[in-house]
Amino acid sequence: MATSLPTVPQFNLIAVAPEGFTFPPGQSSATILSASVDASYFDTLGVRLVRGRGFRTTDRADGPGVAVVDETFAARYLGPNPLGQRLRLVELGGRTAEVVGISAPSRANAIIVPPQPFLFLPVAQHPASRLILIAHTEGDAAAMAGSLREVVRSIDADVPVYRVETTQELFDERSKKLANLLTGISTSVGLVGLTMALIGLYALVAYQVSRRTREIGIRMAIGAVRGQVLRSIVGRAAVMGLTGVAIGSVVSLVAGRGLTSALGTPPFDAVLFAAVPIVLLATTVLASLVPARRAATIDPQQALRQD
């Protein structure tokens, strides 16, 4: 039983003041995501406990207050020896709870969000009017929906069952769809940005080459071969393009590592990372080649009369 599930935005926000932790001036507590769970929660959902223990059936309302925090919470507020430290629950009448266990980092809101400090409290000590029943099943989980409803009805027919879904359905709805939506948005923005960059790059390079029409005419007038002129102009554009790609690649690598570290996003796509520079270089060469070929075919005297 639990008051909320991972990736479902139903967590409580409670003010916590770890004993011995010094907050900045003007701050006396930290607002932390929290959920009340029973003794079977960690095993049922496979939440790994890295230190200490989970909750027990002996953690009753009339017993000492206990809590389990995740590694992110422990690292930020409790230091190297988190077990046994006490937390003051400011909004719960100043009650205290002893940290008895440390869980793996929690991604309570979404898998694409970095881990946030999280606090588990025993539901026996912090009851709620609405709870979620979590069942570990063998075989087809969806086929167990009817049986679970009957179990709840047999205990208390007046207890409403609002929704029954599998963890796979929950993951697909709360995390996979959101990730796909964000990926689609970022991809669309990236494609628009790339298209605008290609258009701007083509226009800029073509304009610069077209301004060299008089220079091309002079070269042709003194005996330069058309092929030499084209190689010279395209080569110069290619060098500029390679310089820009090199600078952009370094910036992209640094920015990509920063995003991966901050948001937990996957590393960059090597195929895409290689394809974009190729497209940019091809655009640069094409933008210089088209006006250069046109300028190389005009009469040198006509080119010299332009200015």
Protein backbone atom coordinates (compact mmCIF):
# COMPACT_ATOMS: atom_id res chain seq x y z
CA MET A 1 0.00 0.00 0.00
CA ALA A 2 1.20 3.51 -0.78
CA THR A 3 -0.14 7.03 -1.11
CA SER A 4 1.51 7.43 -4.52
CA LEU A 5 3.48 5.66 -7.23
CA PRO A 6 6.63 6.65 -9.12
CA THR A 7 5.98 9.02 -12.07
CA VAL A 8 2.43 9.73 -10.82
CA PRO A 9 2.20 13.34 -9.58
CA GLN A 10 0.41 12.58 -6.32
CA PHE A 11 3.30 12.93 -3.88
CA ASN A 12 3.10 14.95 -0.71
CA LEU A 13 5.35 17.93 -0.11
CA ILE A 14 6.41 18.21 3.51
CA ALA A 15 8.81 20.51 5.31
CA VAL A 16 11.73 18.60 6.82
CA ALA A 17 14.51 19.86 9.09
CA PRO A 18 17.35 17.31 9.48
CA GLU A 19 18.92 17.65 12.90
CA GLY A 20 22.44 19.04 12.67
CA PHE A 21 22.01 20.44 9.15
CA THR A 22 22.61 24.18 8.77
CA PHE A 23 20.31 25.93 6.32
CA PRO A 24 21.12 29.27 4.68
CA PRO A 25 20.01 32.41 6.58
CA GLY A 26 16.25 32.84 6.40
CA GLN A 27 15.57 29.15 5.77
CA SER A 28 14.71 26.67 8.51
CA SER A 29 13.57 23.61 6.56
CA ALA A 30 13.51 21.97 3.14
CA THR A 31 10.39 21.00 1.20
CA ILE A 32 10.73 17.35 0.20
CA LEU A 33 8.68 14.97 -1.94
CA SER A 34 7.23 12.27 0.29
CA ALA A 35 5.03 9.19 0.26
CA SER A 36 3.56 6.99 2.98
CA VAL A 37 4.12 3.30 2.25
CA ASP A 38 3.73 0.00 4.09
CA ALA A 39 6.29 -2.67 4.95
CA SER A 40 5.88 -4.54 1.64
CA TYR A 41 6.30 -1.56 -0.67
CA PHE A 42 10.03 -1.83 -1.32
CA ASP A 43 9.99 -5.56 -2.11
CA THR A 44 6.83 -5.37 -4.24
CA LEU A 45 8.11 -2.56 -6.48
CA GLY A 46 11.73 -3.69 -6.36
CA VAL A 47 12.98 -0.46 -4.77
CA ARG A 48 16.57 -1.24 -3.83
CA LEU A 49 17.72 -0.43 -0.32
CA VAL A 50 21.44 0.35 -0.38
CA ARG A 51 21.82 0.72 3.39
CA GLY A 52 19.80 -0.07 6.49
CA ARG A 53 16.32 -1.57 6.34
CA GLY A 54 12.85 -0.88 5.08
CA PHE A 55 9.74 -0.59 7.19
CA ARG A 56 8.48 -3.39 9.43
CA THR A 57 5.08 -4.33 10.75
CA THR A 58 6.40 -3.31 14.17
CA ASP A 59 6.71 0.31 13.00
CA ARG A 60 3.30 1.18 14.45
CA ALA A 61 1.66 4.47 15.24
CA ASP A 62 2.47 4.12 18.95
CA GLY A 63 6.14 3.32 18.26
CA PRO A 64 9.18 5.50 17.53
CA GLY A 65 8.98 7.47 14.31
CA VAL A 66 11.07 6.08 11.45
CA ALA A 67 11.82 7.10 7.87
CA VAL A 68 13.61 5.89 4.75
CA VAL A 69 15.32 8.46 2.52
CA ASP A 70 16.89 8.05 -0.88
CA GLU A 71 20.59 8.53 -1.64
CA THR A 72 19.99 12.01 -3.07
CA PHE A 73 18.42 13.16 0.19
CA ALA A 74 21.13 11.50 2.28
CA ALA A 75 23.97 13.03 0.25
CA ARG A 76 22.48 16.53 0.42
CA TYR A 77 21.31 16.71 4.02
CA LEU A 78 22.73 13.86 6.11
CA GLY A 79 26.41 13.54 5.24
CA PRO A 80 28.47 10.31 5.24
CA ASN A 81 26.64 8.61 8.15
CA PRO A 82 22.91 9.03 7.48
CA LEU A 83 21.59 6.01 9.39
CA GLY A 84 20.35 6.87 12.85
CA GLN A 85 20.04 10.58 12.18
CA ARG A 86 16.77 12.26 13.03
CA LEU A 87 14.45 14.36 10.92
CA ARG A 88 12.02 16.91 12.29
CA LEU A 89 8.77 16.91 10.33
CA VAL A 90 7.89 20.59 10.62
CA GLU A 91 4.36 20.45 9.19
CA LEU A 92 3.41 17.36 11.20
CA GLY A 93 3.54 18.98 14.59
CA GLY A 94 7.31 18.85 14.83
CA ARG A 95 7.34 15.06 15.16
CA THR A 96 10.69 13.40 14.63
CA ALA A 97 11.63 10.33 12.63
CA GLU A 98 14.82 8.31 12.72
CA VAL A 99 16.42 7.40 9.39
CA VAL A 100 16.52 3.59 9.31
CA GLY A 101 17.19 2.98 5.61
CA ILE A 102 18.62 4.48 2.43
CA SER A 103 17.05 3.66 -0.93
CA ALA A 104 18.44 4.05 -4.44
CA PRO A 105 17.97 7.54 -6.00
CA SER A 106 14.34 8.28 -6.80
CA ARG A 107 12.90 9.64 -10.03
CA ALA A 108 9.49 10.33 -8.59
CA ASN A 109 8.14 12.77 -11.17
CA ALA A 110 9.48 11.29 -14.42
CA ILE A 111 12.37 9.19 -15.65
CA ILE A 112 13.66 12.12 -17.70
CA VAL A 113 13.96 14.33 -14.60
CA PRO A 114 17.12 14.13 -12.48
CA PRO A 115 16.78 12.36 -9.11
CA GLN A 116 15.31 14.55 -6.37
CA PRO A 117 15.49 14.13 -2.60
CA PHE A 118 12.73 11.78 -1.49
CA LEU A 119 11.33 10.73 1.88
CA PHE A 120 9.41 7.53 2.65
CA LEU A 121 7.28 7.37 5.79
CA PRO A 122 5.46 4.29 7.18
CA VAL A 123 1.76 4.42 6.41
CA ALA A 124 0.97 3.04 9.87
CA GLN A 125 2.46 6.20 11.42
CA HIS A 126 1.21 8.55 8.71
CA PRO A 127 -2.16 7.22 7.50
CA ALA A 128 -4.05 8.61 4.51
CA SER A 129 -7.68 8.48 3.40
CA ARG A 130 -6.68 7.38 -0.09
CA LEU A 131 -4.23 4.54 -0.78
CA ILE A 132 -2.97 2.64 -3.80
CA LEU A 133 -2.87 -1.16 -3.67
CA ILE A 134 0.18 -2.54 -5.47
CA ALA A 135 0.17 -6.24 -6.31
CA HIS A 136 3.04 -8.32 -7.68
CA THR A 137 1.57 -10.94 -10.00
CA GLU A 138 2.73 -13.98 -11.92
CA GLY A 139 1.68 -14.24 -15.57
CA ASP A 140 -0.62 -11.74 -17.25
CA ALA A 141 -1.01 -8.82 -14.86
CA ALA A 142 -4.00 -7.34 -16.71
CA ALA A 143 -5.95 -10.58 -16.21
CA MET A 144 -5.72 -10.09 -12.44
CA ALA A 145 -7.75 -6.87 -12.44
CA GLY A 146 -11.07 -8.58 -11.79
CA SER A 147 -9.65 -10.71 -8.99
CA LEU A 148 -8.13 -7.69 -7.27
CA ARG A 149 -11.45 -5.85 -7.41
CA GLU A 150 -13.16 -8.85 -5.81
CA VAL A 151 -10.59 -8.98 -3.04
CA VAL A 152 -11.16 -5.32 -2.20
CA ARG A 153 -14.93 -5.79 -2.35
CA SER A 154 -14.76 -8.80 -0.04
CA ILE A 155 -12.91 -6.72 2.56
CA ASP A 156 -15.18 -3.68 2.35
CA ALA A 157 -17.86 -3.31 -0.31
CA ASP A 158 -18.07 0.44 0.31
CA VAL A 159 -14.44 1.10 -0.67
CA PRO A 160 -14.41 2.43 -4.26
CA VAL A 161 -11.80 1.17 -6.72
CA TYR A 162 -11.16 4.06 -9.06
CA ARG A 163 -8.65 2.59 -11.45
CA VAL A 164 -6.76 -0.64 -12.13
CA GLU A 165 -3.72 -0.66 -14.42
CA THR A 166 -0.44 -2.48 -14.86
CA THR A 167 2.94 -0.91 -14.22
CA GLN A 168 3.67 -1.26 -17.94
CA GLU A 169 0.58 0.81 -18.76
CA LEU A 170 1.59 3.30 -16.10
CA PHE A 171 5.10 3.56 -17.51
CA ASP A 172 3.86 3.95 -21.09
CA GLU A 173 1.39 6.68 -20.14
CA ARG A 174 3.42 8.66 -17.64
CA SER A 175 6.95 8.29 -18.95
CA LYS A 176 7.16 6.85 -22.45
CA LYS A 177 4.54 9.14 -23.98
CA LEU A 178 6.03 12.17 -22.26
CA ALA A 179 9.53 11.24 -23.42
CA ASN A 180 8.27 10.73 -26.99
CA LEU A 181 6.46 14.09 -26.87
CA LEU A 182 9.55 15.93 -25.66
CA THR A 183 11.69 14.09 -28.20
CA GLY A 184 9.29 15.05 -30.98
CA ILE A 185 9.26 18.70 -29.92
CA SER A 186 13.04 18.90 -29.64
CA THR A 187 13.45 17.11 -32.98
CA SER A 188 11.06 19.53 -34.68
CA VAL A 189 12.85 22.53 -33.19
CA GLY A 190 16.19 21.03 -34.24
CA LEU A 191 15.01 20.44 -37.81
CA VAL A 192 13.65 23.98 -38.07
CA GLY A 193 16.94 25.32 -36.71
CA LEU A 194 18.95 23.18 -39.11
CA THR A 195 16.80 24.28 -42.08
CA MET A 196 17.20 27.94 -41.19
CA ALA A 197 20.94 27.44 -40.71
CA LEU A 198 21.23 25.79 -44.13
CA ILE A 199 19.24 28.56 -45.82
CA GLY A 200 21.26 31.27 -44.12
CA LEU A 201 24.54 29.48 -44.85
CA TYR A 202 23.69 29.02 -48.52
CA ALA A 203 22.60 32.65 -48.92
CA LEU A 204 25.69 34.02 -47.15
CA VAL A 205 28.22 31.92 -49.06
CA ALA A 206 26.46 32.51 -52.39
CA TYR A 207 26.44 36.27 -51.74
CA GLN A 208 30.14 36.30 -50.85
CA VAL A 209 31.06 34.34 -53.99
CA SER A 210 28.85 36.50 -56.23
CA ARG A 211 30.71 39.59 -54.99
CA ARG A 212 33.91 38.06 -56.38
CA THR A 213 32.60 38.18 -59.98
CA ARG A 214 35.03 40.99 -60.85
CA GLU A 215 37.92 39.03 -59.36
CA ILE A 216 36.91 36.00 -61.41
CA GLY A 217 36.79 38.16 -64.53
CA ILE A 218 40.30 39.50 -63.90
CA ARG A 219 41.64 35.97 -63.39
CA MET A 220 39.98 34.78 -66.58
CA ALA A 221 41.29 37.83 -68.48
CA ILE A 222 44.91 37.13 -67.52
CA GLY A 223 44.64 33.50 -68.57
CA ALA A 224 43.30 31.54 -65.61
CA VAL A 225 41.62 28.28 -66.55
CA ARG A 226 37.99 27.87 -65.54
CA GLY A 227 38.75 24.75 -63.51
CA GLN A 228 41.45 26.56 -61.53
CA VAL A 229 39.09 29.37 -60.66
CA LEU A 230 36.38 26.98 -59.53
CA ARG A 231 38.80 24.94 -57.39
CA SER A 232 40.13 28.07 -55.77
CA ILE A 233 36.71 29.43 -54.82
CA VAL A 234 35.22 26.09 -53.71
CA GLY A 235 38.39 25.23 -51.79
CA ARG A 236 38.25 28.50 -49.89
CA ALA A 237 34.58 27.91 -49.02
CA ALA A 238 35.37 24.34 -47.95
CA VAL A 239 38.11 25.57 -45.57
CA MET A 240 35.69 28.04 -44.01
CA GLY A 241 33.09 25.29 -43.68
CA LEU A 242 35.56 22.87 -42.07
CA THR A 243 36.61 25.53 -39.58
CA GLY A 244 33.02 26.19 -38.61
CA VAL A 245 32.23 22.48 -38.32
CA ALA A 246 35.28 21.91 -36.12
CA ILE A 247 34.30 24.71 -33.74
CA GLY A 248 30.66 23.60 -33.71
CA SER A 249 31.60 19.97 -33.04
CA VAL A 250 33.66 20.90 -29.99
CA VAL A 251 30.85 23.09 -28.61
CA SER A 252 28.29 20.33 -29.29
CA LEU A 253 30.37 17.71 -27.48
CA VAL A 254 30.75 19.92 -24.40
CA ALA A 255 27.07 20.93 -24.40
CA GLY A 256 25.98 17.32 -24.95
CA ARG A 257 27.96 16.10 -21.96
CA GLY A 258 26.50 18.88 -19.85
CA LEU A 259 22.94 17.95 -20.79
CA THR A 260 23.61 14.27 -20.19
CA SER A 261 25.01 15.02 -16.75
CA ALA A 262 22.32 17.51 -15.75
CA LEU A 263 19.22 15.82 -17.16
CA GLY A 264 20.28 12.22 -17.35
CA THR A 265 19.63 12.14 -21.08
CA PRO A 266 21.26 9.48 -23.29
CA PRO A 267 24.60 10.29 -24.94
CA PHE A 268 24.57 11.93 -28.35
CA ASP A 269 23.64 9.96 -31.46
CA ALA A 270 26.90 9.26 -33.33
CA VAL A 271 25.13 8.89 -36.70
CA LEU A 272 23.30 12.19 -36.32
CA PHE A 273 26.42 13.86 -34.97
CA ALA A 274 28.28 12.84 -38.13
CA ALA A 275 25.43 13.55 -40.58
CA VAL A 276 24.83 17.19 -39.63
CA PRO A 277 28.41 18.36 -40.35
CA ILE A 278 28.34 16.52 -43.69
CA VAL A 279 25.11 18.31 -44.64
CA LEU A 280 26.56 21.67 -43.60
CA LEU A 281 29.75 21.09 -45.60
CA ALA A 282 27.78 19.96 -48.64
CA THR A 283 25.62 23.09 -48.39
CA THR A 284 28.72 25.29 -48.16
CA VAL A 285 30.32 23.70 -51.23
CA LEU A 286 27.08 23.86 -53.21
CA ALA A 287 26.51 27.50 -52.25
CA SER A 288 29.95 28.41 -53.53
CA LEU A 289 29.90 26.18 -56.61
CA VAL A 290 26.66 27.43 -58.19
CA PRO A 291 27.54 31.18 -58.36
CA ALA A 292 31.19 30.37 -59.11
CA ARG A 293 30.21 28.29 -62.15
CA ARG A 294 27.88 31.05 -63.30
CA ALA A 295 30.58 33.71 -62.88
CA ALA A 296 33.19 31.59 -64.63
CA THR A 297 31.05 31.35 -67.77
CA ILE A 298 30.54 35.07 -68.34
CA ASP A 299 32.67 37.18 -70.61
CA PRO A 300 35.69 38.63 -68.68
CA GLN A 301 35.03 42.10 -70.16
CA GLN A 302 31.45 41.99 -68.88
CA ALA A 303 32.70 40.97 -65.42
CA LEU A 304 35.19 43.86 -65.39
CA ARG A 305 32.44 46.36 -66.30
CA GLN A 306 30.36 45.44 -63.22
CA ASP A 307 31.97 48.11 -61.05
